[in-house]
Amino acid sequence: MLSRDLIDLGAIKFGKFTLTSGAVSNYYVDIKEACTIPRVLEEVVDEISPHIEADMVAGVELGAVPLVVATSVRLKKPYVIIRKERSHGTKDLLVGTSVSGKTVDIIEDVVTTGGSVMKAINLLRERGARVGRVICVVDREEGGKTLLQGAGVELIPLLKISSLVKN
């Protein structure tokens, strides 16, 4: 069971952490580290795959990359990686084939406020993609669902933080 594996592997870390949103939290959900173990990555992909309905999958670097690649291989669907900044190479924020006219499901490791994934949604839409769903491993339940709903995007979490961390 995924929730038990994440807890047993120490993917829920306690301390003082600054999140991507800038907020400070007393816990951190480390899906990146947990998914370096092949059986855990496979388990995550097993749970993500039934939710994918789009032509393509996409994810924001860094945390979503292994999830997107493994899901793409499993489902034989093309993928796109979304860079956070134009720092090197072609300096394009999208790495992969054209998304124009395609439906794209976004895969995320963790959703907190939804700010990072909202930037990805906007970029994909600017490039002509239709984005209607985000599948994440863990929803931290800190506003991401509401933000995405406002943009017409469904958030599908495999797990909610309330089932992993008892405050």
C-alpha atoms as a PDB file:
ATOM      1  CA  MET A   1       0.000   0.000   0.000  1.00  0.00           C
ATOM      2  CA  LEU A   2       1.447   3.347  -1.103  1.00  0.00           C
ATOM      3  CA  SER A   3       0.685   5.297   2.070  1.00  0.00           C
ATOM      4  CA  ARG A   4       2.371   2.642   4.234  1.00  0.00           C
ATOM      5  CA  ASP A   5       5.407   2.540   1.920  1.00  0.00           C
ATOM      6  CA  LEU A   6       5.833   6.322   2.042  1.00  0.00           C
ATOM      7  CA  ILE A   7       5.620   6.332   5.837  1.00  0.00           C
ATOM      8  CA  ASP A   8       7.939   3.322   6.240  1.00  0.00           C
ATOM      9  CA  LEU A   9      10.514   4.828   3.861  1.00  0.00           C
ATOM     10  CA  GLY A  10      10.556   8.123   5.763  1.00  0.00           C
ATOM     11  CA  ALA A  11       9.145  10.108   2.838  1.00  0.00           C
ATOM     12  CA  ILE A  12       7.340  12.258   5.405  1.00  0.00           C
ATOM     13  CA  LYS A  13      10.127  14.213   7.080  1.00  0.00           C
ATOM     14  CA  PHE A  14       9.644  16.378  10.158  1.00  0.00           C
ATOM     15  CA  GLY A  15      11.577  19.546  10.958  1.00  0.00           C
ATOM     16  CA  LYS A  16      11.582  23.058   9.492  1.00  0.00           C
ATOM     17  CA  PHE A  17      11.240  23.210   5.699  1.00  0.00           C
ATOM     18  CA  THR A  18      10.748  26.057   3.216  1.00  0.00           C
ATOM     19  CA  LEU A  19       8.377  24.962   0.468  1.00  0.00           C
ATOM     20  CA  THR A  20       8.350  26.069  -3.179  1.00  0.00           C
ATOM     21  CA  SER A  21       5.521  28.449  -2.303  1.00  0.00           C
ATOM     22  CA  GLY A  22       7.819  30.152   0.226  1.00  0.00           C
ATOM     23  CA  ALA A  23       5.754  28.914   3.158  1.00  0.00           C
ATOM     24  CA  VAL A  24       7.519  27.275   6.073  1.00  0.00           C
ATOM     25  CA  SER A  25       6.249  23.857   7.142  1.00  0.00           C
ATOM     26  CA  ASN A  26       7.013  21.476  10.002  1.00  0.00           C
ATOM     27  CA  TYR A  27       6.940  18.542   7.581  1.00  0.00           C
ATOM     28  CA  TYR A  28       8.118  17.767   4.051  1.00  0.00           C
ATOM     29  CA  VAL A  29       6.761  15.149   1.673  1.00  0.00           C
ATOM     30  CA  ASP A  30       9.731  13.723  -0.244  1.00  0.00           C
ATOM     31  CA  ILE A  31       8.270  11.762  -3.146  1.00  0.00           C
ATOM     32  CA  LYS A  32      11.459  12.340  -5.163  1.00  0.00           C
ATOM     33  CA  GLU A  33      13.571  10.281  -2.777  1.00  0.00           C
ATOM     34  CA  ALA A  34      10.941   7.562  -2.287  1.00  0.00           C
ATOM     35  CA  CYS A  35      10.616   7.097  -6.062  1.00  0.00           C
ATOM     36  CA  THR A  36      14.323   6.349  -6.431  1.00  0.00           C
ATOM     37  CA  ILE A  37      13.332   2.878  -5.216  1.00  0.00           C
ATOM     38  CA  PRO A  38      12.045   1.030  -8.317  1.00  0.00           C
ATOM     39  CA  ARG A  39       9.216  -0.844  -6.577  1.00  0.00           C
ATOM     40  CA  VAL A  40       7.876   2.413  -5.111  1.00  0.00           C
ATOM     41  CA  LEU A  41       8.099   4.185  -8.468  1.00  0.00           C
ATOM     42  CA  GLU A  42       6.285   1.251 -10.046  1.00  0.00           C
ATOM     43  CA  GLU A  43       3.614   1.371  -7.339  1.00  0.00           C
ATOM     44  CA  VAL A  44       3.084   5.107  -7.924  1.00  0.00           C
ATOM     45  CA  VAL A  45       2.809   4.560 -11.692  1.00  0.00           C
ATOM     46  CA  ASP A  46       0.357   1.691 -11.088  1.00  0.00           C
ATOM     47  CA  GLU A  47      -1.865   4.139  -9.198  1.00  0.00           C
ATOM     48  CA  ILE A  48      -1.427   7.102 -11.576  1.00  0.00           C
ATOM     49  CA  SER A  49      -1.949   5.214 -14.845  1.00  0.00           C
ATOM     50  CA  PRO A  50      -5.702   4.492 -14.547  1.00  0.00           C
ATOM     51  CA  HIS A  51      -6.344   8.233 -14.172  1.00  0.00           C
ATOM     52  CA  ILE A  52      -4.594   9.229 -17.415  1.00  0.00           C
ATOM     53  CA  GLU A  53      -7.062  10.006 -20.174  1.00  0.00           C
ATOM     54  CA  ALA A  54      -5.157  12.569 -22.270  1.00  0.00           C
ATOM     55  CA  ASP A  55      -3.075  12.293 -25.431  1.00  0.00           C
ATOM     56  CA  MET A  56       0.088  13.211 -23.508  1.00  0.00           C
ATOM     57  CA  VAL A  57       1.438  13.567 -19.983  1.00  0.00           C
ATOM     58  CA  ALA A  58       3.477  16.441 -18.607  1.00  0.00           C
ATOM     59  CA  GLY A  59       5.234  17.403 -15.420  1.00  0.00           C
ATOM     60  CA  VAL A  60       7.315  20.145 -13.877  1.00  0.00           C
ATOM     61  CA  GLU A  61      10.981  19.509 -13.201  1.00  0.00           C
ATOM     62  CA  LEU A  62      12.330  18.039 -10.869  1.00  0.00           C
ATOM     63  CA  GLY A  63       9.915  16.059  -8.761  1.00  0.00           C
ATOM     64  CA  ALA A  64       7.542  15.014 -11.517  1.00  0.00           C
ATOM     65  CA  VAL A  65      10.172  13.917 -14.052  1.00  0.00           C
ATOM     66  CA  PRO A  66      10.559  10.257 -13.010  1.00  0.00           C
ATOM     67  CA  LEU A  67       6.792   9.949 -12.565  1.00  0.00           C
ATOM     68  CA  VAL A  68       6.083  11.395 -16.018  1.00  0.00           C
ATOM     69  CA  VAL A  69       8.731   9.317 -17.783  1.00  0.00           C
ATOM     70  CA  ALA A  70       7.703   6.054 -16.105  1.00  0.00           C
ATOM     71  CA  THR A  71       4.003   6.721 -16.789  1.00  0.00           C
ATOM     72  CA  SER A  72       4.775   7.626 -20.405  1.00  0.00           C
ATOM     73  CA  VAL A  73       6.659   4.373 -20.921  1.00  0.00           C
ATOM     74  CA  ARG A  74       3.920   2.345 -19.214  1.00  0.00           C
ATOM     75  CA  LEU A  75       1.093   3.895 -21.264  1.00  0.00           C
ATOM     76  CA  LYS A  76       3.041   4.449 -24.498  1.00  0.00           C
ATOM     77  CA  LYS A  77       2.068   8.127 -24.513  1.00  0.00           C
ATOM     78  CA  PRO A  78       4.419  11.016 -25.322  1.00  0.00           C
ATOM     79  CA  TYR A  79       5.474  13.336 -22.539  1.00  0.00           C
ATOM     80  CA  VAL A  80       6.604  16.903 -21.995  1.00  0.00           C
ATOM     81  CA  ILE A  81       8.809  18.214 -19.217  1.00  0.00           C
ATOM     82  CA  ILE A  82       8.185  21.767 -18.062  1.00  0.00           C
ATOM     83  CA  ARG A  83      11.244  23.692 -16.979  1.00  0.00           C
ATOM     84  CA  LYS A  84      11.045  26.247 -14.195  1.00  0.00           C
ATOM     85  CA  GLU A  85      13.405  28.646 -15.950  1.00  0.00           C
ATOM     86  CA  ARG A  86      15.094  29.255 -19.313  1.00  0.00           C
ATOM     87  CA  SER A  87      18.622  28.700 -18.089  1.00  0.00           C
ATOM     88  CA  HIS A  88      20.292  26.452 -20.658  1.00  0.00           C
ATOM     89  CA  GLY A  89      20.061  24.506 -23.921  1.00  0.00           C
ATOM     90  CA  THR A  90      17.312  25.747 -26.221  1.00  0.00           C
ATOM     91  CA  LYS A  91      16.024  27.935 -23.375  1.00  0.00           C
ATOM     92  CA  ASP A  92      12.513  26.701 -24.115  1.00  0.00           C
ATOM     93  CA  LEU A  93      10.375  26.003 -21.074  1.00  0.00           C
ATOM     94  CA  LEU A  94       8.879  22.889 -22.715  1.00  0.00           C
ATOM     95  CA  VAL A  95      10.979  19.846 -23.505  1.00  0.00           C
ATOM     96  CA  GLY A  96       9.233  17.374 -25.802  1.00  0.00           C
ATOM     97  CA  THR A  97       6.975  17.262 -28.823  1.00  0.00           C
ATOM     98  CA  SER A  98       4.350  19.887 -29.625  1.00  0.00           C
ATOM     99  CA  VAL A  99       1.341  20.057 -27.330  1.00  0.00           C
ATOM    100  CA  SER A 100      -0.740  22.144 -29.731  1.00  0.00           C
ATOM    101  CA  GLY A 101      -4.210  20.678 -30.175  1.00  0.00           C
ATOM    102  CA  LYS A 102      -3.512  17.857 -27.702  1.00  0.00           C
ATOM    103  CA  THR A 103      -5.077  16.984 -24.377  1.00  0.00           C
ATOM    104  CA  VAL A 104      -2.462  16.886 -21.626  1.00  0.00           C
ATOM    105  CA  ASP A 105      -2.719  15.396 -18.136  1.00  0.00           C
ATOM    106  CA  ILE A 106      -0.203  16.865 -15.699  1.00  0.00           C
ATOM    107  CA  ILE A 107       1.482  14.608 -13.150  1.00  0.00           C
ATOM    108  CA  GLU A 108       2.859  16.113  -9.947  1.00  0.00           C
ATOM    109  CA  ASP A 109       4.601  14.660  -6.928  1.00  0.00           C
ATOM    110  CA  VAL A 110       3.105  17.045  -4.361  1.00  0.00           C
ATOM    111  CA  VAL A 111       0.543  19.842  -4.669  1.00  0.00           C
ATOM    112  CA  THR A 112       0.425  22.483  -1.945  1.00  0.00           C
ATOM    113  CA  THR A 113      -1.018  25.855  -2.996  1.00  0.00           C
ATOM    114  CA  GLY A 114      -1.131  24.877  -6.665  1.00  0.00           C
ATOM    115  CA  GLY A 115       1.003  27.828  -7.752  1.00  0.00           C
ATOM    116  CA  SER A 116       3.708  25.824  -9.528  1.00  0.00           C
ATOM    117  CA  VAL A 117       1.284  23.571 -11.364  1.00  0.00           C
ATOM    118  CA  MET A 118      -0.869  26.583 -12.307  1.00  0.00           C
ATOM    119  CA  LYS A 119       2.154  28.116 -14.085  1.00  0.00           C
ATOM    120  CA  ALA A 120       2.546  24.824 -15.966  1.00  0.00           C
ATOM    121  CA  ILE A 121      -1.142  24.783 -16.910  1.00  0.00           C
ATOM    122  CA  ASN A 122      -0.945  28.351 -18.223  1.00  0.00           C
ATOM    123  CA  LEU A 123       2.183  27.599 -20.257  1.00  0.00           C
ATOM    124  CA  LEU A 124       0.652  24.474 -21.786  1.00  0.00           C
ATOM    125  CA  ARG A 125      -2.540  26.343 -22.618  1.00  0.00           C
ATOM    126  CA  GLU A 126      -0.545  29.181 -24.194  1.00  0.00           C
ATOM    127  CA  ARG A 127       1.037  26.533 -26.438  1.00  0.00           C
ATOM    128  CA  GLY A 128      -2.391  25.248 -27.524  1.00  0.00           C
ATOM    129  CA  ALA A 129      -2.868  22.296 -25.159  1.00  0.00           C
ATOM    130  CA  ARG A 130      -6.101  21.413 -23.423  1.00  0.00           C
ATOM    131  CA  VAL A 131      -5.418  20.720 -19.748  1.00  0.00           C
ATOM    132  CA  GLY A 132      -8.244  19.474 -17.567  1.00  0.00           C
ATOM    133  CA  ARG A 133      -6.641  17.373 -14.873  1.00  0.00           C
ATOM    134  CA  VAL A 134      -3.658  17.127 -12.553  1.00  0.00           C
ATOM    135  CA  ILE A 135      -2.829  13.818 -10.929  1.00  0.00           C
ATOM    136  CA  CYS A 136      -0.582  14.133  -7.877  1.00  0.00           C
ATOM    137  CA  VAL A 137       0.864  11.636  -5.448  1.00  0.00           C
ATOM    138  CA  VAL A 138       0.106  13.783  -2.384  1.00  0.00           C
ATOM    139  CA  ASP A 139      -2.201  16.759  -1.948  1.00  0.00           C
ATOM    140  CA  ARG A 140      -1.019  18.822   1.033  1.00  0.00           C
ATOM    141  CA  GLU A 141      -4.558  20.234   1.197  1.00  0.00           C
ATOM    142  CA  GLU A 142      -3.389  23.853   1.355  1.00  0.00           C
ATOM    143  CA  GLY A 143      -5.479  25.413  -1.388  1.00  0.00           C
ATOM    144  CA  GLY A 144      -4.239  23.711  -4.538  1.00  0.00           C
ATOM    145  CA  LYS A 145      -7.531  21.979  -5.275  1.00  0.00           C
ATOM    146  CA  THR A 146      -9.485  25.231  -5.045  1.00  0.00           C
ATOM    147  CA  LEU A 147      -7.007  27.148  -7.215  1.00  0.00           C
ATOM    148  CA  LEU A 148      -7.098  24.474  -9.907  1.00  0.00           C
ATOM    149  CA  GLN A 149     -10.904  24.231  -9.811  1.00  0.00           C
ATOM    150  CA  GLY A 150     -11.023  27.964 -10.501  1.00  0.00           C
ATOM    151  CA  ALA A 151      -9.046  27.302 -13.692  1.00  0.00           C
ATOM    152  CA  GLY A 152     -11.333  24.448 -14.729  1.00  0.00           C
ATOM    153  CA  VAL A 153      -8.811  21.779 -13.767  1.00  0.00           C
ATOM    154  CA  GLU A 154      -9.584  18.708 -11.656  1.00  0.00           C
ATOM    155  CA  LEU A 155      -7.047  17.678  -9.006  1.00  0.00           C
ATOM    156  CA  ILE A 156      -6.825  13.920  -8.509  1.00  0.00           C
ATOM    157  CA  PRO A 157      -4.615  13.054  -5.522  1.00  0.00           C
ATOM    158  CA  LEU A 158      -3.504   9.494  -4.871  1.00  0.00           C
ATOM    159  CA  LEU A 159      -3.180  10.462  -1.209  1.00  0.00           C
ATOM    160  CA  LYS A 160      -4.115  13.416   0.977  1.00  0.00           C
ATOM    161  CA  ILE A 161      -1.734  14.652   3.619  1.00  0.00           C
ATOM    162  CA  SER A 162      -4.487  14.288   6.265  1.00  0.00           C
ATOM    163  CA  SER A 163      -4.250  10.515   5.785  1.00  0.00           C
ATOM    164  CA  LEU A 164      -0.455  10.538   6.250  1.00  0.00           C
ATOM    165  CA  VAL A 165       0.194  13.126   8.975  1.00  0.00           C
ATOM    166  CA  LYS A 166      -1.863  13.437  12.098  1.00  0.00           C
ATOM    167  CA  ASN A 167      -1.544  16.976  13.459  1.00  0.00           C
END
